[in-house]
PDB file of N, CA and C in Angstrom:
ATOM      1  N   MET A   1       1.062  -1.264  -0.061  1.00  0.00           N
ATOM      2  CA  MET A   1       0.099   0.241  -0.126  1.00  0.00           C
ATOM      3  C   MET A   1       1.185   1.474   0.112  1.00  0.00           C
ATOM      4  N   ALA A   2       0.668   1.946  -0.647  1.00  0.00           N
ATOM      5  CA  ALA A   2       1.399   3.567  -0.801  1.00  0.00           C
ATOM      6  C   ALA A   2       0.432   4.541  -0.113  1.00  0.00           C
ATOM      7  N   TYR A   3       1.473   5.088   1.074  1.00  0.00           N
ATOM      8  CA  TYR A   3       1.071   6.182   1.789  1.00  0.00           C
ATOM      9  C   TYR A   3       2.181   7.519   1.557  1.00  0.00           C
ATOM     10  N   GLY A   4       1.518   8.321   0.143  1.00  0.00           N
ATOM     11  CA  GLY A   4       2.472   9.589   0.044  1.00  0.00           C
ATOM     12  C   GLY A   4       3.649   8.855  -0.548  1.00  0.00           C
ATOM     13  N   ASN A   5       4.691   8.795  -0.438  1.00  0.00           N
ATOM     14  CA  ASN A   5       5.969   8.818  -0.945  1.00  0.00           C
ATOM     15  C   ASN A   5       6.353   7.705  -0.035  1.00  0.00           C
ATOM     16  N   LYS A   6       5.858   7.214   0.879  1.00  0.00           N
ATOM     17  CA  LYS A   6       6.296   5.815   1.810  1.00  0.00           C
ATOM     18  C   LYS A   6       5.440   4.679   1.370  1.00  0.00           C
ATOM     19  N   VAL A   7       5.813   3.269   1.501  1.00  0.00           N
ATOM     20  CA  VAL A   7       5.352   2.278   1.065  1.00  0.00           C
ATOM     21  C   VAL A   7       5.106   1.386   2.474  1.00  0.00           C
ATOM     22  N   LYS A   8       3.777   1.051   2.426  1.00  0.00           N
ATOM     23  CA  LYS A   8       3.874   0.508   3.669  1.00  0.00           C
ATOM     24  C   LYS A   8       3.672  -1.398   3.468  1.00  0.00           C
ATOM     25  N   PHE A   9       4.569  -1.923   3.909  1.00  0.00           N
ATOM     26  CA  PHE A   9       4.679  -3.434   3.795  1.00  0.00           C
ATOM     27  C   PHE A   9       3.683  -3.875   4.847  1.00  0.00           C
ATOM     28  N   HIS A  10       3.371  -5.292   5.020  1.00  0.00           N
ATOM     29  CA  HIS A  10       2.967  -5.986   5.390  1.00  0.00           C
ATOM     30  C   HIS A  10       3.196  -7.295   5.889  1.00  0.00           C
ATOM     31  N   TYR A  11       3.927  -7.714   6.687  1.00  0.00           N
ATOM     32  CA  TYR A  11       4.655  -8.925   6.909  1.00  0.00           C
ATOM     33  C   TYR A  11       4.621  -8.888   8.136  1.00  0.00           C
ATOM     34  N   ASP A  12       4.882 -10.210   8.909  1.00  0.00           N
ATOM     35  CA  ASP A  12       5.292 -10.508  10.143  1.00  0.00           C
ATOM     36  C   ASP A  12       6.894 -10.380  10.793  1.00  0.00           C
ATOM     37  N   VAL A  13       7.050  -9.705  11.621  1.00  0.00           N
ATOM     38  CA  VAL A  13       8.729  -9.604  12.005  1.00  0.00           C
ATOM     39  C   VAL A  13       8.539 -10.279  13.334  1.00  0.00           C
ATOM     40  N   PRO A  14       9.113 -11.330  13.919  1.00  0.00           N
ATOM     41  CA  PRO A  14       9.548 -12.121  15.070  1.00  0.00           C
ATOM     42  C   PRO A  14       9.531 -11.372  15.897  1.00  0.00           C
ATOM     43  N   ALA A  15       9.184 -11.845  17.145  1.00  0.00           N
ATOM     44  CA  ALA A  15       8.761 -10.707  18.472  1.00  0.00           C
ATOM     45  C   ALA A  15      10.146 -10.960  18.802  1.00  0.00           C
ATOM     46  N   TYR A  16      11.185 -11.354  18.672  1.00  0.00           N
ATOM     47  CA  TYR A  16      12.849 -10.875  19.255  1.00  0.00           C
ATOM     48  C   TYR A  16      13.164  -9.819  18.645  1.00  0.00           C
ATOM     49  N   ILE A  17      12.796  -9.384  17.368  1.00  0.00           N
ATOM     50  CA  ILE A  17      13.224  -8.569  16.324  1.00  0.00           C
ATOM     51  C   ILE A  17      12.572  -7.478  17.294  1.00  0.00           C
ATOM     52  N   LYS A  18      11.115  -7.557  17.113  1.00  0.00           N
ATOM     53  CA  LYS A  18      10.158  -6.140  17.228  1.00  0.00           C
ATOM     54  C   LYS A  18      10.877  -5.830  18.828  1.00  0.00           C
ATOM     55  N   LYS A  19      11.160  -6.806  19.732  1.00  0.00           N
ATOM     56  CA  LYS A  19      11.759  -6.438  21.104  1.00  0.00           C
ATOM     57  C   LYS A  19      13.437  -5.510  20.990  1.00  0.00           C
ATOM     58  N   GLU A  20      14.052  -6.321  19.995  1.00  0.00           N
ATOM     59  CA  GLU A  20      15.133  -5.427  19.396  1.00  0.00           C
ATOM     60  C   GLU A  20      15.121  -3.820  19.396  1.00  0.00           C
ATOM     61  N   LEU A  21      14.323  -3.791  18.250  1.00  0.00           N
ATOM     62  CA  LEU A  21      13.858  -2.605  17.344  1.00  0.00           C
ATOM     63  C   LEU A  21      13.361  -1.896  18.331  1.00  0.00           C
ATOM     64  N   ALA A  22      12.786  -2.024  19.397  1.00  0.00           N
ATOM     65  CA  ALA A  22      11.822  -1.337  20.196  1.00  0.00           C
ATOM     66  C   ALA A  22      12.896  -0.958  21.418  1.00  0.00           C
ATOM     67  N   GLU A  23      13.848  -1.569  21.949  1.00  0.00           N
ATOM     68  CA  GLU A  23      14.716  -1.335  22.729  1.00  0.00           C
ATOM     69  C   GLU A  23      15.660   0.128  22.536  1.00  0.00           C
ATOM     70  N   THR A  24      16.008  -0.384  21.040  1.00  0.00           N
ATOM     71  CA  THR A  24      17.259   0.392  20.688  1.00  0.00           C
ATOM     72  C   THR A  24      16.409   1.491  20.191  1.00  0.00           C
ATOM     73  N   ALA A  25      15.372   1.748  19.269  1.00  0.00           N
ATOM     74  CA  ALA A  25      14.620   2.813  19.301  1.00  0.00           C
ATOM     75  C   ALA A  25      14.305   3.512  20.622  1.00  0.00           C
ATOM     76  N   LYS A  26      13.864   3.053  21.727  1.00  0.00           N
ATOM     77  CA  LYS A  26      14.029   3.901  22.731  1.00  0.00           C
ATOM     78  C   LYS A  26      15.241   4.721  23.266  1.00  0.00           C
ATOM     79  N   LYS A  27      16.188   3.966  22.914  1.00  0.00           N
ATOM     80  CA  LYS A  27      17.549   4.508  23.433  1.00  0.00           C
ATOM     81  C   LYS A  27      17.609   5.715  22.447  1.00  0.00           C
ATOM     82  N   LEU A  28      17.561   5.497  21.413  1.00  0.00           N
ATOM     83  CA  LEU A  28      17.561   6.730  20.242  1.00  0.00           C
ATOM     84  C   LEU A  28      16.473   7.651  20.313  1.00  0.00           C
ATOM     85  N   GLY A  29      15.679   7.613  20.816  1.00  0.00           N
ATOM     86  CA  GLY A  29      14.289   8.829  21.158  1.00  0.00           C
ATOM     87  C   GLY A  29      13.267   8.876  20.131  1.00  0.00           C
ATOM     88  N   ILE A  30      13.523   7.461  19.214  1.00  0.00           N
ATOM     89  CA  ILE A  30      12.480   7.326  17.948  1.00  0.00           C
ATOM     90  C   ILE A  30      11.541   5.957  18.242  1.00  0.00           C
ATOM     91  N   THR A  31      11.106   6.029  17.136  1.00  0.00           N
ATOM     92  CA  THR A  31      10.091   4.749  17.029  1.00  0.00           C
ATOM     93  C   THR A  31      10.557   3.996  16.699  1.00  0.00           C
ATOM     94  N   ALA A  32      10.152   2.811  17.005  1.00  0.00           N
ATOM     95  CA  ALA A  32      10.829   1.232  16.127  1.00  0.00           C
ATOM     96  C   ALA A  32      10.527   1.079  14.724  1.00  0.00           C
ATOM     97  N   THR A  33       9.254   1.582  14.124  1.00  0.00           N
ATOM     98  CA  THR A  33       9.120   1.901  12.831  1.00  0.00           C
ATOM     99  C   THR A  33      10.012   3.026  12.083  1.00  0.00           C
ATOM    100  N   GLU A  34      10.674   4.082  12.797  1.00  0.00           N
ATOM    101  CA  GLU A  34      11.520   5.114  12.290  1.00  0.00           C
ATOM    102  C   GLU A  34      12.702   4.362  12.327  1.00  0.00           C
ATOM    103  N   LEU A  35      13.118   3.454  13.005  1.00  0.00           N
ATOM    104  CA  LEU A  35      14.706   3.178  13.054  1.00  0.00           C
ATOM    105  C   LEU A  35      14.253   2.009  12.049  1.00  0.00           C
ATOM    106  N   LEU A  36      13.946   1.227  11.829  1.00  0.00           N
ATOM    107  CA  LEU A  36      13.463   0.667  10.920  1.00  0.00           C
ATOM    108  C   LEU A  36      13.777   0.803   9.534  1.00  0.00           C
ATOM    109  N   THR A  37      12.976   1.817   9.362  1.00  0.00           N
ATOM    110  CA  THR A  37      13.119   2.879   8.395  1.00  0.00           C
ATOM    111  C   THR A  37      14.567   3.296   7.862  1.00  0.00           C
ATOM    112  N   ARG A  38      15.222   3.867   8.597  1.00  0.00           N
ATOM    113  CA  ARG A  38      16.769   4.166   9.042  1.00  0.00           C
ATOM    114  C   ARG A  38      17.772   2.919   8.272  1.00  0.00           C
ATOM    115  N   ILE A  39      17.037   1.685   9.211  1.00  0.00           N
ATOM    116  CA  ILE A  39      18.314   0.964   8.463  1.00  0.00           C
ATOM    117  C   ILE A  39      17.871   0.189   7.469  1.00  0.00           C
ATOM    118  N   ILE A  40      16.800   0.323   6.631  1.00  0.00           N
ATOM    119  CA  ILE A  40      16.451  -0.206   5.735  1.00  0.00           C
ATOM    120  C   ILE A  40      17.113   1.122   4.862  1.00  0.00           C
ATOM    121  N   GLU A  41      17.121   2.493   4.636  1.00  0.00           N
ATOM    122  CA  GLU A  41      17.316   3.271   3.837  1.00  0.00           C
ATOM    123  C   GLU A  41      18.699   3.273   3.971  1.00  0.00           C
ATOM    124  N   GLU A  42      19.334   2.964   5.184  1.00  0.00           N
ATOM    125  CA  GLU A  42      20.896   3.106   4.885  1.00  0.00           C
ATOM    126  C   GLU A  42      21.462   1.565   3.948  1.00  0.00           C
ATOM    127  N   GLU A  43      20.956   0.729   4.435  1.00  0.00           N
ATOM    128  CA  GLU A  43      21.140  -0.437   3.752  1.00  0.00           C
ATOM    129  C   GLU A  43      20.657  -0.839   2.308  1.00  0.00           C
ATOM    130  N   HIS A  44      19.754   0.177   1.800  1.00  0.00           N
ATOM    131  CA  HIS A  44      19.696   0.600   0.384  1.00  0.00           C
ATOM    132  C   HIS A  44      20.497   1.649  -0.338  1.00  0.00           C
ATOM    133  N   GLN A  45      21.027   2.546   0.499  1.00  0.00           N
ATOM    134  CA  GLN A  45      22.022   3.408  -0.063  1.00  0.00           C
ATOM    135  C   GLN A  45      23.321   2.429  -0.266  1.00  0.00           C
ATOM    136  N   ARG A  46      23.967   1.714   0.730  1.00  0.00           N
ATOM    137  CA  ARG A  46      24.756   0.834   0.802  1.00  0.00           C
ATOM    138  C   ARG A  46      24.979  -0.403  -0.417  1.00  0.00           C
ATOM    139  N   VAL A  47      24.024  -0.708  -0.444  1.00  0.00           N
ATOM    140  CA  VAL A  47      23.981  -1.753  -1.990  1.00  0.00           C
ATOM    141  C   VAL A  47      23.627  -1.204  -3.167  1.00  0.00           C
ATOM    142  N   LYS A  48      23.053   0.317  -3.344  1.00  0.00           N
ATOM    143  CA  LYS A  48      23.157   1.197  -4.087  1.00  0.00           C
ATOM    144  C   LYS A  48      24.656   1.495  -4.731  1.00  0.00           C
ATOM    145  N   GLY A  49      25.321   1.649  -3.591  1.00  0.00           N
ATOM    146  CA  GLY A  49      26.634   2.120  -4.103  1.00  0.00           C
ATOM    147  C   GLY A  49      27.173   0.974  -4.528  1.00  0.00           C
ATOM    148  N   THR A  50      27.355   0.142  -3.553  1.00  0.00           N
ATOM    149  CA  THR A  50      28.033  -1.368  -3.840  1.00  0.00           C
ATOM    150  C   THR A  50      28.200  -1.953  -5.242  1.00  0.00           C
ATOM    151  N   VAL A  51      26.616  -1.426  -6.281  1.00  0.00           N
ATOM    152  CA  VAL A  51      26.558  -1.795  -7.144  1.00  0.00           C
ATOM    153  C   VAL A  51      26.888  -0.722  -8.312  1.00  0.00           C
ATOM    154  N   GLN A  52      26.933   0.416  -8.021  1.00  0.00           N
ATOM    155  CA  GLN A  52      27.624   1.389  -8.671  1.00  0.00           C
ATOM    156  C   GLN A  52      28.875   0.905  -8.753  1.00  0.00           C
ATOM    157  N   ASP A  53      29.942   0.752  -8.027  1.00  0.00           N
ATOM    158  CA  ASP A  53      31.153   0.869  -7.688  1.00  0.00           C
ATOM    159  C   ASP A  53      31.445  -0.629  -8.754  1.00  0.00           C
ATOM    160  N   SER A  54      30.889  -1.588  -8.849  1.00  0.00           N
ATOM    161  CA  SER A  54      30.957  -2.574  -9.650  1.00  0.00           C
ATOM    162  C   SER A  54      30.917  -2.728 -11.319  1.00  0.00           C
ATOM    163  N   LYS A  55      30.542  -1.617 -11.514  1.00  0.00           N
ATOM    164  CA  LYS A  55      30.330  -1.043 -13.337  1.00  0.00           C
ATOM    165  C   LYS A  55      31.398  -0.394 -13.315  1.00  0.00           C
TER     166      LYS A  55
END
């Protein structure tokens, strides 16, 4: 589902991952969703850079 420029994914996240995300996000003062978004964006940039470097 698209929400503006964001895409909402519907999937099951294991409970232990949810717990880790929540604990880490709390330490950073953000929500678990924001933390997961940051992680995904950083990984996307890393992979995108790796692909460009290999060309």
